[in-house]
Amino acid sequence: MERHAIKQVARRMKLGMRIAVVVLAGLAGLPNLARAQKVDLGVGLSTTLAPPPLFTNGALAYPSLDGGAYPGVSADVLFFHHFGVGGEVYWRATPAGNYVPATYGPGVGYRPVFYNVNLISAPRLAPHVHLEFVAGIGALSTQFQASAGSTAPPSNNQLDADFGGGLKIYVAKHIFIRPEGRLYVTGNNNNSYAGQITSRVGVALGCTVP
């Protein structure tokens, strides 16, 4: 089981890096990219804040997205003053357990994954310090894992919009840390989880490619 979890995390990291590469490759065709100021690459660790689970007649009806460790990867490019675009992927490190046991049986694991592409504004606040404001769209994807005596529902994807920001602090010439937060608003999220609003808070470590 531990080996399977490691493989899942490795697949998420590969997928995240592929998405980051696709975002940057797509930008390569833009005329203004020749004047790009910088490209940022980062890895992060976050947790989530979300409404509590909902119960019907004492049985779990909709689980919560609250809590858990969410590693992730991100990439962005600023190509017009302090404005640019970026992409990020954050996934739950270990599957949560017991997804609606009254319907699917005990022990169904589920792993939420947030994919987003954002517009970015990153004005300079002070020497070696930049504010970041982001807004964009993406999806909340949920992967399910069945156990003995249970039936996993099919994986699903739900569109979301995200808003947030961070404080990018350079601790060396091209190395930064970035406390950050996101607010995800997910359409039809009540079909899978309790509530449609989830917050993610954490910190990223990154480098700027000049």
N, C-alpha and C. Protein backbone atom coordinates (compact mmCIF):
# COMPACT_ATOMS: atom_id res chain seq x y z
N MET A 1 0.84 -1.21 0.00
CA MET A 1 0.00 0.00 0.00
C MET A 1 0.87 1.26 0.00
N GLU A 2 2.00 1.20 0.81
CA GLU A 2 2.90 2.34 0.86
C GLU A 2 3.57 2.55 -0.49
N ARG A 3 3.94 1.44 -1.16
CA ARG A 3 4.56 1.55 -2.48
C ARG A 3 3.60 2.17 -3.47
N HIS A 4 2.31 1.77 -3.37
CA HIS A 4 1.30 2.33 -4.27
C HIS A 4 1.16 3.84 -4.04
N ALA A 5 1.18 4.26 -2.78
CA ALA A 5 1.05 5.69 -2.47
C ALA A 5 2.22 6.48 -3.03
N ILE A 6 3.45 5.90 -2.94
CA ILE A 6 4.63 6.57 -3.48
C ILE A 6 4.50 6.73 -5.00
N LYS A 7 4.01 5.67 -5.67
CA LYS A 7 3.83 5.74 -7.11
C LYS A 7 2.80 6.81 -7.47
N GLN A 8 1.72 6.91 -6.66
CA GLN A 8 0.69 7.93 -6.93
C GLN A 8 1.29 9.33 -6.82
N VAL A 9 2.09 9.57 -5.78
CA VAL A 9 2.70 10.89 -5.61
C VAL A 9 3.64 11.19 -6.77
N ALA A 10 4.42 10.18 -7.19
CA ALA A 10 5.34 10.38 -8.32
C ALA A 10 4.58 10.73 -9.58
N ARG A 11 3.44 10.07 -9.81
CA ARG A 11 2.63 10.38 -11.00
C ARG A 11 2.09 11.79 -10.93
N ARG A 12 1.66 12.24 -9.73
CA ARG A 12 1.14 13.60 -9.59
C ARG A 12 2.23 14.63 -9.89
N MET A 13 3.45 14.36 -9.40
CA MET A 13 4.53 15.30 -9.65
C MET A 13 4.86 15.37 -11.14
N LYS A 14 4.88 14.21 -11.81
CA LYS A 14 5.15 14.20 -13.24
C LYS A 14 4.06 14.96 -13.99
N LEU A 15 2.79 14.73 -13.60
CA LEU A 15 1.68 15.42 -14.26
C LEU A 15 1.78 16.91 -14.03
N GLY A 16 2.10 17.32 -12.80
CA GLY A 16 2.23 18.75 -12.51
C GLY A 16 3.32 19.40 -13.33
N MET A 17 4.46 18.73 -13.44
CA MET A 17 5.55 19.30 -14.23
C MET A 17 5.18 19.36 -15.71
N ARG A 18 4.44 18.36 -16.19
CA ARG A 18 4.02 18.39 -17.59
C ARG A 18 3.10 19.58 -17.86
N ILE A 19 2.17 19.82 -16.93
CA ILE A 19 1.26 20.96 -17.09
C ILE A 19 2.05 22.27 -17.07
N ALA A 20 3.02 22.37 -16.16
CA ALA A 20 3.84 23.58 -16.10
C ALA A 20 4.61 23.78 -17.40
N VAL A 21 5.15 22.70 -17.95
CA VAL A 21 5.88 22.80 -19.21
C VAL A 21 4.95 23.22 -20.34
N VAL A 22 3.73 22.65 -20.37
CA VAL A 22 2.76 23.01 -21.41
C VAL A 22 2.41 24.49 -21.33
N VAL A 23 2.21 25.00 -20.11
CA VAL A 23 1.89 26.42 -19.95
C VAL A 23 3.02 27.29 -20.49
N LEU A 24 4.24 26.97 -20.12
CA LEU A 24 5.37 27.78 -20.57
C LEU A 24 5.61 27.62 -22.07
N ALA A 25 5.41 26.40 -22.59
CA ALA A 25 5.60 26.19 -24.02
C ALA A 25 4.57 26.97 -24.83
N GLY A 26 3.34 27.02 -24.32
CA GLY A 26 2.31 27.79 -25.00
C GLY A 26 2.63 29.27 -25.04
N LEU A 27 3.25 29.74 -23.95
CA LEU A 27 3.61 31.15 -23.90
C LEU A 27 4.75 31.49 -24.84
N ALA A 28 5.52 30.47 -25.22
CA ALA A 28 6.67 30.71 -26.07
C ALA A 28 6.27 31.30 -27.42
N GLY A 29 5.02 31.09 -27.81
CA GLY A 29 4.57 31.61 -29.08
C GLY A 29 4.09 33.04 -29.02
N LEU A 30 4.04 33.61 -27.83
CA LEU A 30 3.56 34.98 -27.71
C LEU A 30 4.67 35.97 -28.05
N PRO A 31 4.39 36.99 -28.84
CA PRO A 31 5.42 37.96 -29.22
C PRO A 31 6.06 38.65 -28.03
N ASN A 32 5.26 38.95 -27.02
CA ASN A 32 5.79 39.69 -25.88
C ASN A 32 6.73 38.86 -25.02
N LEU A 33 6.74 37.52 -25.23
CA LEU A 33 7.56 36.69 -24.37
C LEU A 33 9.04 36.99 -24.56
N ALA A 34 9.39 37.53 -25.71
CA ALA A 34 10.79 37.88 -25.94
C ALA A 34 11.27 38.92 -24.93
N ARG A 35 10.31 39.68 -24.37
CA ARG A 35 10.66 40.68 -23.38
C ARG A 35 10.36 40.19 -21.97
N ALA A 36 10.22 38.87 -21.80
CA ALA A 36 9.88 38.32 -20.49
C ALA A 36 10.88 38.76 -19.44
N GLN A 37 10.36 39.18 -18.30
CA GLN A 37 11.22 39.61 -17.22
C GLN A 37 11.79 38.40 -16.47
N LYS A 38 10.97 37.39 -16.22
CA LYS A 38 11.45 36.24 -15.45
C LYS A 38 10.45 35.10 -15.52
N VAL A 39 10.96 33.91 -15.22
CA VAL A 39 10.15 32.71 -15.11
C VAL A 39 10.37 32.14 -13.72
N ASP A 40 9.30 31.83 -13.01
CA ASP A 40 9.37 31.26 -11.68
C ASP A 40 8.93 29.80 -11.70
N LEU A 41 9.68 28.94 -11.03
CA LEU A 41 9.32 27.54 -10.84
C LEU A 41 9.29 27.27 -9.34
N GLY A 42 8.28 26.53 -8.87
CA GLY A 42 8.17 26.32 -7.44
C GLY A 42 7.58 24.98 -7.06
N VAL A 43 7.90 24.54 -5.86
CA VAL A 43 7.25 23.38 -5.24
C VAL A 43 6.72 23.85 -3.89
N GLY A 44 5.58 23.32 -3.49
CA GLY A 44 4.97 23.82 -2.27
C GLY A 44 4.31 22.75 -1.45
N LEU A 45 3.90 23.13 -0.25
CA LEU A 45 3.16 22.26 0.65
C LEU A 45 2.08 23.09 1.33
N SER A 46 0.84 22.61 1.26
CA SER A 46 -0.29 23.36 1.79
C SER A 46 -1.23 22.44 2.57
N THR A 47 -2.22 23.06 3.19
CA THR A 47 -3.35 22.33 3.72
C THR A 47 -4.61 23.08 3.32
N THR A 48 -5.78 22.48 3.57
CA THR A 48 -7.03 23.08 3.12
C THR A 48 -7.96 23.36 4.29
N LEU A 49 -8.82 24.36 4.08
CA LEU A 49 -9.88 24.72 5.02
C LEU A 49 -11.19 24.67 4.25
N ALA A 50 -12.16 23.94 4.78
CA ALA A 50 -13.42 23.75 4.05
C ALA A 50 -14.55 23.48 5.03
N PRO A 51 -15.81 23.59 4.58
CA PRO A 51 -16.95 23.32 5.46
C PRO A 51 -16.91 21.89 6.01
N PRO A 52 -17.52 21.65 7.17
CA PRO A 52 -17.54 20.30 7.75
C PRO A 52 -18.40 19.35 6.93
N PRO A 53 -18.24 18.04 7.14
CA PRO A 53 -19.04 17.07 6.38
C PRO A 53 -20.52 17.20 6.70
N LEU A 54 -21.33 16.76 5.74
CA LEU A 54 -22.78 16.78 5.91
C LEU A 54 -23.29 15.35 6.14
N PHE A 55 -24.26 15.22 7.05
CA PHE A 55 -24.82 13.92 7.38
C PHE A 55 -26.32 13.93 7.13
N THR A 56 -26.84 12.80 6.70
CA THR A 56 -28.28 12.61 6.51
C THR A 56 -28.71 11.41 7.34
N ASN A 57 -29.61 11.65 8.30
CA ASN A 57 -30.08 10.59 9.20
C ASN A 57 -28.93 9.86 9.87
N GLY A 58 -27.91 10.63 10.27
CA GLY A 58 -26.78 10.07 10.97
C GLY A 58 -25.72 9.43 10.08
N ALA A 59 -25.96 9.36 8.78
CA ALA A 59 -25.00 8.74 7.86
C ALA A 59 -24.29 9.81 7.05
N LEU A 60 -23.02 9.60 6.77
CA LEU A 60 -22.25 10.57 5.98
C LEU A 60 -22.82 10.66 4.57
N ALA A 61 -23.19 11.89 4.18
CA ALA A 61 -23.72 12.11 2.84
C ALA A 61 -22.70 12.78 1.93
N TYR A 62 -21.99 13.79 2.47
CA TYR A 62 -20.98 14.52 1.70
C TYR A 62 -19.76 14.76 2.59
N PRO A 63 -18.61 14.20 2.25
CA PRO A 63 -17.41 14.42 3.06
C PRO A 63 -16.88 15.84 2.90
N SER A 64 -15.95 16.19 3.77
CA SER A 64 -15.35 17.52 3.74
C SER A 64 -13.98 17.48 3.06
N LEU A 65 -13.63 18.60 2.45
CA LEU A 65 -12.29 18.76 1.89
C LEU A 65 -11.33 19.38 2.90
N ASP A 66 -11.75 19.49 4.14
CA ASP A 66 -10.95 20.15 5.15
C ASP A 66 -9.76 19.28 5.58
N GLY A 67 -8.56 19.87 5.62
CA GLY A 67 -7.40 19.22 6.19
C GLY A 67 -6.64 18.33 5.22
N GLY A 68 -5.51 17.82 5.70
CA GLY A 68 -4.64 16.99 4.89
C GLY A 68 -3.48 17.79 4.32
N ALA A 69 -2.42 17.09 3.94
CA ALA A 69 -1.26 17.73 3.33
C ALA A 69 -1.39 17.71 1.82
N TYR A 70 -1.14 18.85 1.19
CA TYR A 70 -1.25 19.00 -0.26
C TYR A 70 0.08 19.49 -0.83
N PRO A 71 0.93 18.59 -1.32
CA PRO A 71 2.10 19.04 -2.07
C PRO A 71 1.67 19.54 -3.45
N GLY A 72 2.54 20.32 -4.08
CA GLY A 72 2.19 20.82 -5.40
C GLY A 72 3.38 21.41 -6.13
N VAL A 73 3.16 21.73 -7.40
CA VAL A 73 4.16 22.36 -8.24
C VAL A 73 3.51 23.53 -8.98
N SER A 74 4.32 24.51 -9.35
CA SER A 74 3.80 25.68 -10.05
C SER A 74 4.86 26.24 -10.98
N ALA A 75 4.39 26.99 -11.98
CA ALA A 75 5.28 27.71 -12.90
C ALA A 75 4.55 28.95 -13.37
N ASP A 76 5.27 30.05 -13.51
CA ASP A 76 4.65 31.27 -14.05
C ASP A 76 5.69 32.09 -14.78
N VAL A 77 5.20 32.95 -15.65
CA VAL A 77 6.08 33.84 -16.41
C VAL A 77 5.46 35.23 -16.43
N LEU A 78 6.29 36.24 -16.17
CA LEU A 78 5.88 37.64 -16.26
C LEU A 78 6.43 38.20 -17.57
N PHE A 79 5.53 38.57 -18.47
CA PHE A 79 5.98 39.00 -19.79
C PHE A 79 5.59 40.43 -20.14
N PHE A 80 4.92 41.14 -19.22
CA PHE A 80 4.59 42.55 -19.47
C PHE A 80 4.64 43.27 -18.13
N HIS A 81 5.75 43.95 -17.87
CA HIS A 81 5.96 44.60 -16.58
C HIS A 81 5.82 43.55 -15.47
N HIS A 82 4.86 43.72 -14.56
CA HIS A 82 4.68 42.74 -13.49
C HIS A 82 3.43 41.88 -13.71
N PHE A 83 2.97 41.78 -14.95
CA PHE A 83 1.80 40.95 -15.26
C PHE A 83 2.23 39.70 -16.03
N GLY A 84 1.52 38.60 -15.79
CA GLY A 84 1.84 37.36 -16.49
C GLY A 84 0.80 36.30 -16.27
N VAL A 85 1.17 35.08 -16.56
CA VAL A 85 0.28 33.93 -16.40
C VAL A 85 1.06 32.79 -15.76
N GLY A 86 0.32 31.84 -15.20
CA GLY A 86 0.97 30.69 -14.57
C GLY A 86 0.03 29.52 -14.44
N GLY A 87 0.60 28.40 -14.06
CA GLY A 87 -0.19 27.19 -13.82
C GLY A 87 0.28 26.51 -12.56
N GLU A 88 -0.63 25.80 -11.89
CA GLU A 88 -0.27 25.10 -10.66
C GLU A 88 -1.15 23.87 -10.48
N VAL A 89 -0.58 22.87 -9.81
CA VAL A 89 -1.29 21.64 -9.49
C VAL A 89 -0.98 21.29 -8.04
N TYR A 90 -2.02 21.09 -7.23
CA TYR A 90 -1.87 20.64 -5.85
C TYR A 90 -2.79 19.45 -5.60
N TRP A 91 -2.24 18.42 -4.96
CA TRP A 91 -3.01 17.18 -4.74
C TRP A 91 -2.86 16.73 -3.30
N ARG A 92 -3.85 16.00 -2.81
CA ARG A 92 -3.76 15.46 -1.45
C ARG A 92 -2.71 14.36 -1.42
N ALA A 93 -1.75 14.46 -0.48
CA ALA A 93 -0.62 13.54 -0.47
C ALA A 93 -1.04 12.10 -0.24
N THR A 94 -1.98 11.87 0.66
CA THR A 94 -2.49 10.52 0.93
C THR A 94 -4.00 10.54 0.78
N PRO A 95 -4.59 9.49 0.24
CA PRO A 95 -6.05 9.48 0.07
C PRO A 95 -6.77 9.57 1.41
N ALA A 96 -7.85 10.34 1.44
CA ALA A 96 -8.74 10.31 2.59
C ALA A 96 -9.57 9.02 2.49
N GLY A 97 -10.09 8.57 3.60
CA GLY A 97 -10.79 7.29 3.60
C GLY A 97 -12.28 7.41 3.86
N ASN A 98 -12.99 6.33 3.56
CA ASN A 98 -14.41 6.18 3.86
C ASN A 98 -15.29 7.21 3.16
N TYR A 99 -15.26 7.20 1.84
CA TYR A 99 -16.10 8.12 1.06
C TYR A 99 -17.52 7.56 1.00
N VAL A 100 -18.46 8.20 1.70
CA VAL A 100 -19.89 7.86 1.72
C VAL A 100 -20.07 6.33 1.85
N PRO A 101 -19.69 5.75 3.00
CA PRO A 101 -19.75 4.28 3.15
C PRO A 101 -21.15 3.69 3.00
N ALA A 102 -22.19 4.46 3.33
CA ALA A 102 -23.55 3.92 3.20
C ALA A 102 -23.90 3.63 1.75
N THR A 103 -23.24 4.32 0.82
CA THR A 103 -23.54 4.14 -0.60
C THR A 103 -22.53 3.21 -1.28
N TYR A 104 -21.25 3.39 -0.98
CA TYR A 104 -20.21 2.68 -1.71
C TYR A 104 -19.50 1.60 -0.90
N GLY A 105 -19.86 1.45 0.37
CA GLY A 105 -19.20 0.47 1.22
C GLY A 105 -18.03 1.11 1.95
N PRO A 106 -17.53 0.42 2.98
CA PRO A 106 -16.46 1.00 3.80
C PRO A 106 -15.11 1.00 3.09
N GLY A 107 -14.30 1.99 3.42
CA GLY A 107 -12.92 1.99 2.99
C GLY A 107 -12.62 2.54 1.62
N VAL A 108 -13.55 3.25 0.99
CA VAL A 108 -13.26 3.85 -0.32
C VAL A 108 -12.39 5.10 -0.10
N GLY A 109 -11.19 5.07 -0.65
CA GLY A 109 -10.31 6.22 -0.53
C GLY A 109 -10.56 7.22 -1.65
N TYR A 110 -10.28 8.48 -1.37
CA TYR A 110 -10.46 9.51 -2.41
C TYR A 110 -9.35 10.56 -2.28
N ARG A 111 -8.87 11.02 -3.45
CA ARG A 111 -7.76 11.97 -3.50
C ARG A 111 -8.17 13.17 -4.35
N PRO A 112 -8.40 14.35 -3.74
CA PRO A 112 -8.71 15.56 -4.51
C PRO A 112 -7.44 16.15 -5.11
N VAL A 113 -7.58 16.70 -6.32
CA VAL A 113 -6.48 17.36 -7.02
C VAL A 113 -7.00 18.67 -7.60
N PHE A 114 -6.31 19.78 -7.32
CA PHE A 114 -6.68 21.09 -7.86
C PHE A 114 -5.72 21.45 -9.00
N TYR A 115 -6.29 21.70 -10.20
CA TYR A 115 -5.52 22.16 -11.37
C TYR A 115 -6.00 23.56 -11.70
N ASN A 116 -5.08 24.50 -11.88
CA ASN A 116 -5.51 25.86 -12.20
C ASN A 116 -4.51 26.60 -13.09
N VAL A 117 -5.04 27.46 -13.97
CA VAL A 117 -4.25 28.38 -14.77
C VAL A 117 -4.70 29.79 -14.39
N ASN A 118 -3.73 30.65 -14.08
CA ASN A 118 -4.04 31.94 -13.49
C ASN A 118 -3.42 33.11 -14.24
N LEU A 119 -4.08 34.26 -14.18
CA LEU A 119 -3.47 35.54 -14.48
C LEU A 119 -2.79 36.03 -13.21
N ILE A 120 -1.64 36.67 -13.34
CA ILE A 120 -0.83 37.04 -12.19
C ILE A 120 -0.43 38.51 -12.28
N SER A 121 -0.50 39.18 -11.14
CA SER A 121 0.10 40.50 -10.98
C SER A 121 1.07 40.41 -9.81
N ALA A 122 2.32 40.82 -10.03
CA ALA A 122 3.35 40.67 -9.00
C ALA A 122 4.14 41.96 -8.83
N PRO A 123 3.52 43.01 -8.28
CA PRO A 123 4.25 44.27 -8.08
C PRO A 123 5.31 44.15 -6.99
N ARG A 124 6.35 44.91 -7.15
CA ARG A 124 7.42 44.94 -6.16
C ARG A 124 6.97 45.72 -4.94
N LEU A 125 7.13 45.12 -3.76
CA LEU A 125 6.73 45.77 -2.52
C LEU A 125 7.91 46.45 -1.84
N ALA A 126 9.06 45.80 -1.90
CA ALA A 126 10.30 46.30 -1.29
C ALA A 126 11.45 45.55 -1.94
N PRO A 127 12.69 45.95 -1.70
CA PRO A 127 13.80 45.17 -2.24
C PRO A 127 13.69 43.70 -1.82
N HIS A 128 13.74 42.80 -2.79
CA HIS A 128 13.68 41.35 -2.57
C HIS A 128 12.31 40.85 -2.11
N VAL A 129 11.29 41.69 -2.20
CA VAL A 129 9.94 41.27 -1.77
C VAL A 129 8.93 41.70 -2.83
N HIS A 130 8.09 40.75 -3.26
CA HIS A 130 7.04 41.04 -4.23
C HIS A 130 5.71 40.52 -3.72
N LEU A 131 4.66 41.29 -3.92
CA LEU A 131 3.31 40.80 -3.71
C LEU A 131 2.88 40.00 -4.94
N GLU A 132 2.01 39.04 -4.75
CA GLU A 132 1.42 38.31 -5.87
C GLU A 132 -0.08 38.24 -5.70
N PHE A 133 -0.79 38.60 -6.77
CA PHE A 133 -2.24 38.46 -6.82
C PHE A 133 -2.57 37.56 -8.00
N VAL A 134 -3.44 36.57 -7.80
CA VAL A 134 -3.77 35.64 -8.88
C VAL A 134 -5.28 35.44 -8.96
N ALA A 135 -5.74 35.14 -10.16
CA ALA A 135 -7.14 34.76 -10.39
C ALA A 135 -7.17 33.92 -11.65
N GLY A 136 -7.97 32.87 -11.63
CA GLY A 136 -8.00 32.00 -12.79
C GLY A 136 -9.09 30.96 -12.74
N ILE A 137 -8.96 29.98 -13.60
CA ILE A 137 -9.93 28.89 -13.67
C ILE A 137 -9.17 27.57 -13.70
N GLY A 138 -9.91 26.51 -13.44
CA GLY A 138 -9.30 25.18 -13.46
C GLY A 138 -10.33 24.12 -13.14
N ALA A 139 -9.90 23.10 -12.41
CA ALA A 139 -10.79 22.00 -12.09
C ALA A 139 -10.37 21.35 -10.78
N LEU A 140 -11.36 20.80 -10.11
CA LEU A 140 -11.13 19.92 -8.98
C LEU A 140 -11.40 18.50 -9.47
N SER A 141 -10.36 17.69 -9.49
CA SER A 141 -10.47 16.30 -9.93
C SER A 141 -10.41 15.40 -8.70
N THR A 142 -11.25 14.38 -8.66
CA THR A 142 -11.25 13.43 -7.55
C THR A 142 -11.04 12.02 -8.08
N GLN A 143 -10.01 11.36 -7.56
CA GLN A 143 -9.70 9.98 -7.92
C GLN A 143 -10.10 9.09 -6.75
N PHE A 144 -10.79 7.98 -7.04
CA PHE A 144 -11.27 7.09 -5.99
C PHE A 144 -10.53 5.76 -6.04
N GLN A 145 -10.38 5.15 -4.86
CA GLN A 145 -9.72 3.85 -4.74
C GLN A 145 -10.59 2.92 -3.91
N ALA A 146 -11.01 1.81 -4.51
CA ALA A 146 -11.85 0.85 -3.81
C ALA A 146 -11.00 -0.06 -2.92
N SER A 147 -11.61 -0.59 -1.88
CA SER A 147 -10.97 -1.59 -1.02
C SER A 147 -11.87 -2.82 -1.01
N ALA A 148 -11.46 -3.86 -0.29
CA ALA A 148 -12.25 -5.09 -0.23
C ALA A 148 -13.64 -4.80 0.33
N GLY A 149 -14.66 -5.25 -0.38
CA GLY A 149 -16.03 -5.05 0.07
C GLY A 149 -16.63 -3.71 -0.27
N SER A 150 -15.95 -2.94 -1.12
CA SER A 150 -16.47 -1.63 -1.49
C SER A 150 -16.43 -1.46 -3.00
N THR A 151 -17.18 -0.47 -3.49
CA THR A 151 -17.21 -0.15 -4.92
C THR A 151 -16.88 1.32 -5.08
N ALA A 152 -15.83 1.63 -5.82
CA ALA A 152 -15.42 3.02 -5.99
C ALA A 152 -16.27 3.69 -7.05
N PRO A 153 -16.76 4.91 -6.79
CA PRO A 153 -17.45 5.66 -7.85
C PRO A 153 -16.47 6.08 -8.93
N PRO A 154 -16.94 6.43 -10.11
CA PRO A 154 -16.02 6.87 -11.17
C PRO A 154 -15.36 8.19 -10.80
N SER A 155 -14.13 8.38 -11.26
CA SER A 155 -13.45 9.65 -11.04
C SER A 155 -14.23 10.77 -11.70
N ASN A 156 -14.16 11.96 -11.12
CA ASN A 156 -14.90 13.08 -11.70
C ASN A 156 -14.07 14.36 -11.68
N ASN A 157 -14.46 15.29 -12.54
CA ASN A 157 -13.81 16.61 -12.64
C ASN A 157 -14.89 17.67 -12.59
N GLN A 158 -14.65 18.70 -11.78
CA GLN A 158 -15.60 19.80 -11.63
C GLN A 158 -14.86 21.12 -11.84
N LEU A 159 -15.41 21.99 -12.67
CA LEU A 159 -14.79 23.28 -12.93
C LEU A 159 -14.71 24.12 -11.66
N ASP A 160 -13.65 24.91 -11.56
CA ASP A 160 -13.56 25.83 -10.43
C ASP A 160 -12.96 27.16 -10.89
N ALA A 161 -13.15 28.17 -10.06
CA ALA A 161 -12.48 29.46 -10.20
C ALA A 161 -11.65 29.65 -8.94
N ASP A 162 -10.47 30.25 -9.09
CA ASP A 162 -9.64 30.45 -7.91
C ASP A 162 -9.15 31.89 -7.84
N PHE A 163 -8.98 32.36 -6.60
CA PHE A 163 -8.52 33.71 -6.32
C PHE A 163 -7.53 33.62 -5.15
N GLY A 164 -6.54 34.48 -5.14
CA GLY A 164 -5.62 34.42 -4.01
C GLY A 164 -4.41 35.31 -4.20
N GLY A 165 -3.40 35.00 -3.41
CA GLY A 165 -2.20 35.80 -3.47
C GLY A 165 -1.10 35.20 -2.63
N GLY A 166 0.04 35.88 -2.61
CA GLY A 166 1.18 35.43 -1.84
C GLY A 166 2.17 36.55 -1.65
N LEU A 167 3.19 36.26 -0.87
CA LEU A 167 4.26 37.21 -0.61
C LEU A 167 5.57 36.50 -0.95
N LYS A 168 6.17 36.89 -2.06
CA LYS A 168 7.39 36.24 -2.54
C LYS A 168 8.60 36.97 -1.96
N ILE A 169 9.38 36.24 -1.17
CA ILE A 169 10.52 36.81 -0.47
C ILE A 169 11.78 36.11 -0.95
N TYR A 170 12.69 36.88 -1.53
CA TYR A 170 13.95 36.30 -2.02
C TYR A 170 14.93 36.16 -0.86
N VAL A 171 15.37 34.92 -0.64
CA VAL A 171 16.35 34.65 0.42
C VAL A 171 17.75 34.51 -0.15
N ALA A 172 17.85 34.43 -1.45
CA ALA A 172 19.12 34.43 -2.18
C ALA A 172 18.84 35.06 -3.53
N LYS A 173 19.86 35.15 -4.39
CA LYS A 173 19.71 35.90 -5.63
C LYS A 173 18.53 35.42 -6.47
N HIS A 174 18.37 34.11 -6.64
CA HIS A 174 17.29 33.59 -7.46
C HIS A 174 16.36 32.64 -6.69
N ILE A 175 16.51 32.54 -5.38
CA ILE A 175 15.74 31.59 -4.58
C ILE A 175 14.77 32.37 -3.69
N PHE A 176 13.53 31.92 -3.66
CA PHE A 176 12.53 32.61 -2.86
C PHE A 176 11.66 31.62 -2.08
N ILE A 177 11.06 32.13 -1.01
CA ILE A 177 9.98 31.42 -0.33
C ILE A 177 8.72 32.26 -0.51
N ARG A 178 7.57 31.59 -0.57
CA ARG A 178 6.33 32.31 -0.87
C ARG A 178 5.18 31.78 -0.02
N PRO A 179 4.90 32.41 1.13
CA PRO A 179 3.63 32.10 1.81
C PRO A 179 2.48 32.48 0.88
N GLU A 180 1.48 31.62 0.78
CA GLU A 180 0.42 31.88 -0.20
C GLU A 180 -0.90 31.31 0.26
N GLY A 181 -1.95 31.79 -0.37
CA GLY A 181 -3.30 31.29 -0.08
C GLY A 181 -4.15 31.34 -1.34
N ARG A 182 -5.10 30.41 -1.42
CA ARG A 182 -6.04 30.36 -2.54
C ARG A 182 -7.45 30.12 -2.01
N LEU A 183 -8.42 30.68 -2.74
CA LEU A 183 -9.83 30.43 -2.48
C LEU A 183 -10.41 29.80 -3.74
N TYR A 184 -10.88 28.56 -3.63
CA TYR A 184 -11.47 27.85 -4.76
C TYR A 184 -12.99 27.86 -4.64
N VAL A 185 -13.65 28.24 -5.72
CA VAL A 185 -15.11 28.18 -5.79
C VAL A 185 -15.44 27.16 -6.87
N THR A 186 -16.04 26.06 -6.46
CA THR A 186 -16.24 24.93 -7.35
C THR A 186 -17.71 24.77 -7.72
N GLY A 187 -18.00 24.67 -9.01
CA GLY A 187 -19.36 24.47 -9.47
C GLY A 187 -19.84 23.05 -9.20
N ASN A 188 -21.07 22.92 -8.74
CA ASN A 188 -21.68 21.61 -8.49
C ASN A 188 -20.87 20.76 -7.52
N ASN A 189 -20.11 21.42 -6.64
CA ASN A 189 -19.30 20.67 -5.70
C ASN A 189 -20.15 19.88 -4.71
N ASN A 190 -21.41 20.31 -4.51
CA ASN A 190 -22.26 19.59 -3.58
C ASN A 190 -22.62 18.20 -4.08
N ASN A 191 -22.22 17.85 -5.32
CA ASN A 191 -22.41 16.48 -5.79
C ASN A 191 -21.34 15.55 -5.24
N SER A 192 -20.23 16.09 -4.72
CA SER A 192 -19.14 15.27 -4.23
C SER A 192 -18.73 15.59 -2.80
N TYR A 193 -18.75 16.89 -2.44
CA TYR A 193 -18.25 17.31 -1.14
C TYR A 193 -19.23 18.29 -0.49
N ALA A 194 -19.00 18.52 0.81
CA ALA A 194 -19.81 19.48 1.55
C ALA A 194 -19.36 20.89 1.20
N GLY A 195 -20.21 21.68 0.60
CA GLY A 195 -19.88 23.06 0.28
C GLY A 195 -19.17 23.22 -1.04
N GLN A 196 -19.16 24.45 -1.53
CA GLN A 196 -18.55 24.77 -2.82
C GLN A 196 -17.33 25.67 -2.70
N ILE A 197 -16.93 26.00 -1.47
CA ILE A 197 -15.79 26.90 -1.26
C ILE A 197 -14.73 26.19 -0.42
N THR A 198 -13.50 26.17 -0.93
CA THR A 198 -12.37 25.57 -0.23
C THR A 198 -11.20 26.55 -0.26
N SER A 199 -10.52 26.70 0.87
CA SER A 199 -9.32 27.53 0.94
C SER A 199 -8.09 26.64 1.04
N ARG A 200 -7.02 27.09 0.43
CA ARG A 200 -5.73 26.40 0.56
C ARG A 200 -4.70 27.40 1.07
N VAL A 201 -3.98 27.05 2.12
CA VAL A 201 -2.95 27.91 2.68
C VAL A 201 -1.67 27.10 2.83
N GLY A 202 -0.54 27.73 2.52
CA GLY A 202 0.72 27.01 2.63
C GLY A 202 1.89 27.88 2.24
N VAL A 203 2.99 27.22 1.88
CA VAL A 203 4.21 27.92 1.52
C VAL A 203 4.89 27.19 0.37
N ALA A 204 5.52 27.94 -0.50
CA ALA A 204 6.24 27.36 -1.64
C ALA A 204 7.70 27.79 -1.60
N LEU A 205 8.54 26.93 -2.11
CA LEU A 205 9.96 27.24 -2.29
C LEU A 205 10.24 27.22 -3.79
N GLY A 206 10.87 28.27 -4.30
CA GLY A 206 11.03 28.34 -5.74
C GLY A 206 12.31 29.02 -6.17
N CYS A 207 12.48 29.07 -7.49
CA CYS A 207 13.62 29.75 -8.08
C CYS A 207 13.15 30.56 -9.28
N THR A 208 13.83 31.66 -9.52
CA THR A 208 13.55 32.52 -10.66
C THR A 208 14.61 32.30 -11.71
N VAL A 209 14.15 31.99 -12.92
CA VAL A 209 15.07 31.78 -14.05
C VAL A 209 15.16 33.11 -14.79
N PRO A 210 16.30 33.77 -14.80
CA PRO A 210 16.41 35.10 -15.42
C PRO A 210 16.30 35.03 -16.93
